[in-house]
Amino acid sequence: MNQYPIWHDVSACHYKSSKSYGGRNNSVDTIYVGRGSQNSHKLISHSTIRREYTDIDDNHYVEFNHFVAGAMITKVVFEADRNYKIKGKPITVIQADIRRVAIT
């Protein structure tokens, strides 16, 4: 099985078990509602983006940002080695207060 930095585990009432898939640098899910694939309407999209960067002191980091309807709701930052392999647990976790997100 492939190893992916972004991993989705999907459950639904008609699955006997969850379905899963992965992505490397970004992943977008769009959810549609309606009467079926020919008569459905977009409800919402959410995405996860992976970013690698080095700071001014040559420290390496891997960052994951999760967006819902275009608004970033979660950011997680990990320390990494020179090859951007994650070392341990997150050093920063930021979550938006989703109660303050406007519904339009």
Protein backbone atom coordinates (compact mmCIF):
# COMPACT_ATOMS: atom_id res chain seq x y z
CA MET A 1 0.00 0.00 0.00
CA ASN A 2 1.27 3.49 -0.86
CA GLN A 3 2.09 5.96 1.89
CA TYR A 4 0.59 9.43 1.44
CA PRO A 5 1.03 12.55 3.59
CA ILE A 6 -2.69 13.35 3.23
CA TRP A 7 -5.05 10.48 4.03
CA HIS A 8 -8.86 10.35 3.75
CA ASP A 9 -11.02 7.78 5.49
CA VAL A 10 -14.62 7.93 4.25
CA SER A 11 -17.61 6.27 5.90
CA ALA A 12 -21.19 6.08 4.66
CA CYS A 13 -24.29 4.25 5.82
CA HIS A 14 -24.21 1.83 2.86
CA TYR A 15 -20.51 0.84 3.21
CA LYS A 16 -19.72 -2.30 5.19
CA SER A 17 -16.43 -0.64 6.13
CA SER A 18 -14.76 2.69 5.48
CA LYS A 19 -13.14 3.54 2.14
CA SER A 20 -9.81 5.37 2.09
CA TYR A 21 -7.43 7.09 -0.31
CA GLY A 22 -4.45 9.40 -0.14
CA GLY A 23 -2.92 12.49 -1.70
CA ARG A 24 0.61 13.89 -1.82
CA ASN A 25 0.50 17.70 -1.79
CA ASN A 26 -3.15 18.68 -2.02
CA SER A 27 -6.54 17.09 -1.92
CA VAL A 28 -9.99 18.52 -2.67
CA ASP A 29 -13.33 16.92 -1.81
CA THR A 30 -16.57 18.34 -3.16
CA ILE A 31 -19.85 17.15 -1.68
CA TYR A 32 -23.00 17.21 -3.78
CA VAL A 33 -26.58 16.67 -2.63
CA GLY A 34 -29.76 15.93 -4.53
CA ARG A 35 -31.45 12.96 -6.16
CA GLY A 36 -28.41 11.28 -7.71
CA SER A 37 -25.38 11.90 -9.91
CA GLN A 38 -27.48 13.46 -12.72
CA ASN A 39 -29.48 15.79 -10.46
CA SER A 40 -27.18 17.03 -7.71
CA HIS A 41 -26.04 20.40 -6.46
CA LYS A 42 -22.79 21.42 -4.82
CA LEU A 43 -23.12 21.62 -1.05
CA ILE A 44 -19.52 22.36 -0.01
CA SER A 45 -15.87 21.77 -0.85
CA HIS A 46 -13.04 21.16 1.55
CA SER A 47 -9.35 20.82 0.82
CA THR A 48 -6.04 20.00 2.47
CA ILE A 49 -2.75 21.47 1.27
CA ARG A 50 0.75 20.30 2.26
CA ARG A 51 3.63 22.80 2.18
CA GLU A 52 7.35 22.35 2.89
CA TYR A 53 9.55 25.27 3.90
CA THR A 54 12.82 26.26 5.53
CA ASP A 55 13.15 29.22 7.88
CA ILE A 56 15.98 31.75 8.04
CA ASP A 57 17.89 29.54 10.54
CA ASP A 58 17.78 26.54 8.13
CA ASN A 59 15.14 24.69 10.17
CA HIS A 60 12.84 22.56 8.02
CA TYR A 61 9.06 22.29 8.44
CA VAL A 62 6.06 20.57 6.90
CA GLU A 63 2.74 22.37 7.20
CA PHE A 64 -0.79 21.11 6.52
CA ASN A 65 -3.65 23.58 6.02
CA HIS A 66 -7.30 22.51 5.88
CA PHE A 67 -9.91 24.72 4.22
CA VAL A 68 -13.70 24.49 4.26
CA ALA A 69 -15.59 26.63 1.76
CA GLY A 70 -12.36 28.55 1.10
CA ALA A 71 -11.73 29.47 4.76
CA MET A 72 -8.72 27.97 6.54
CA ILE A 73 -9.96 26.21 9.66
CA THR A 74 -6.91 24.19 10.72
CA LYS A 75 -3.14 24.56 10.40
CA VAL A 76 -0.70 21.93 11.69
CA VAL A 77 3.10 22.38 11.56
CA PHE A 78 5.72 19.65 12.05
CA GLU A 79 9.49 19.88 12.37
CA ALA A 80 11.22 17.96 9.58
CA ASP A 81 14.66 16.81 8.51
CA ARG A 82 16.47 18.13 5.41
CA ASN A 83 14.44 15.76 3.22
CA TYR A 84 11.20 17.06 4.78
CA LYS A 85 10.52 13.80 6.59
CA ILE A 86 8.36 14.63 9.62
CA LYS A 87 10.01 14.24 13.04
CA GLY A 88 7.49 13.48 15.76
CA LYS A 89 4.35 15.25 16.88
CA PRO A 90 3.06 18.64 15.67
CA ILE A 91 4.78 21.71 17.10
CA THR A 92 1.91 24.04 16.16
CA VAL A 93 -1.81 23.40 15.86
CA ILE A 94 -4.13 26.29 15.03
CA GLN A 95 -7.88 25.85 14.72
CA ALA A 96 -10.31 28.58 13.69
CA ASP A 97 -13.36 29.22 15.80
CA ILE A 98 -15.86 27.83 13.29
CA ARG A 99 -18.74 29.29 15.27
CA ARG A 100 -17.63 32.65 13.85
CA VAL A 101 -17.68 31.54 10.19
CA ALA A 102 -20.45 33.33 8.32
CA ILE A 103 -23.09 31.26 6.55
CA THR A 104 -24.19 32.86 3.31
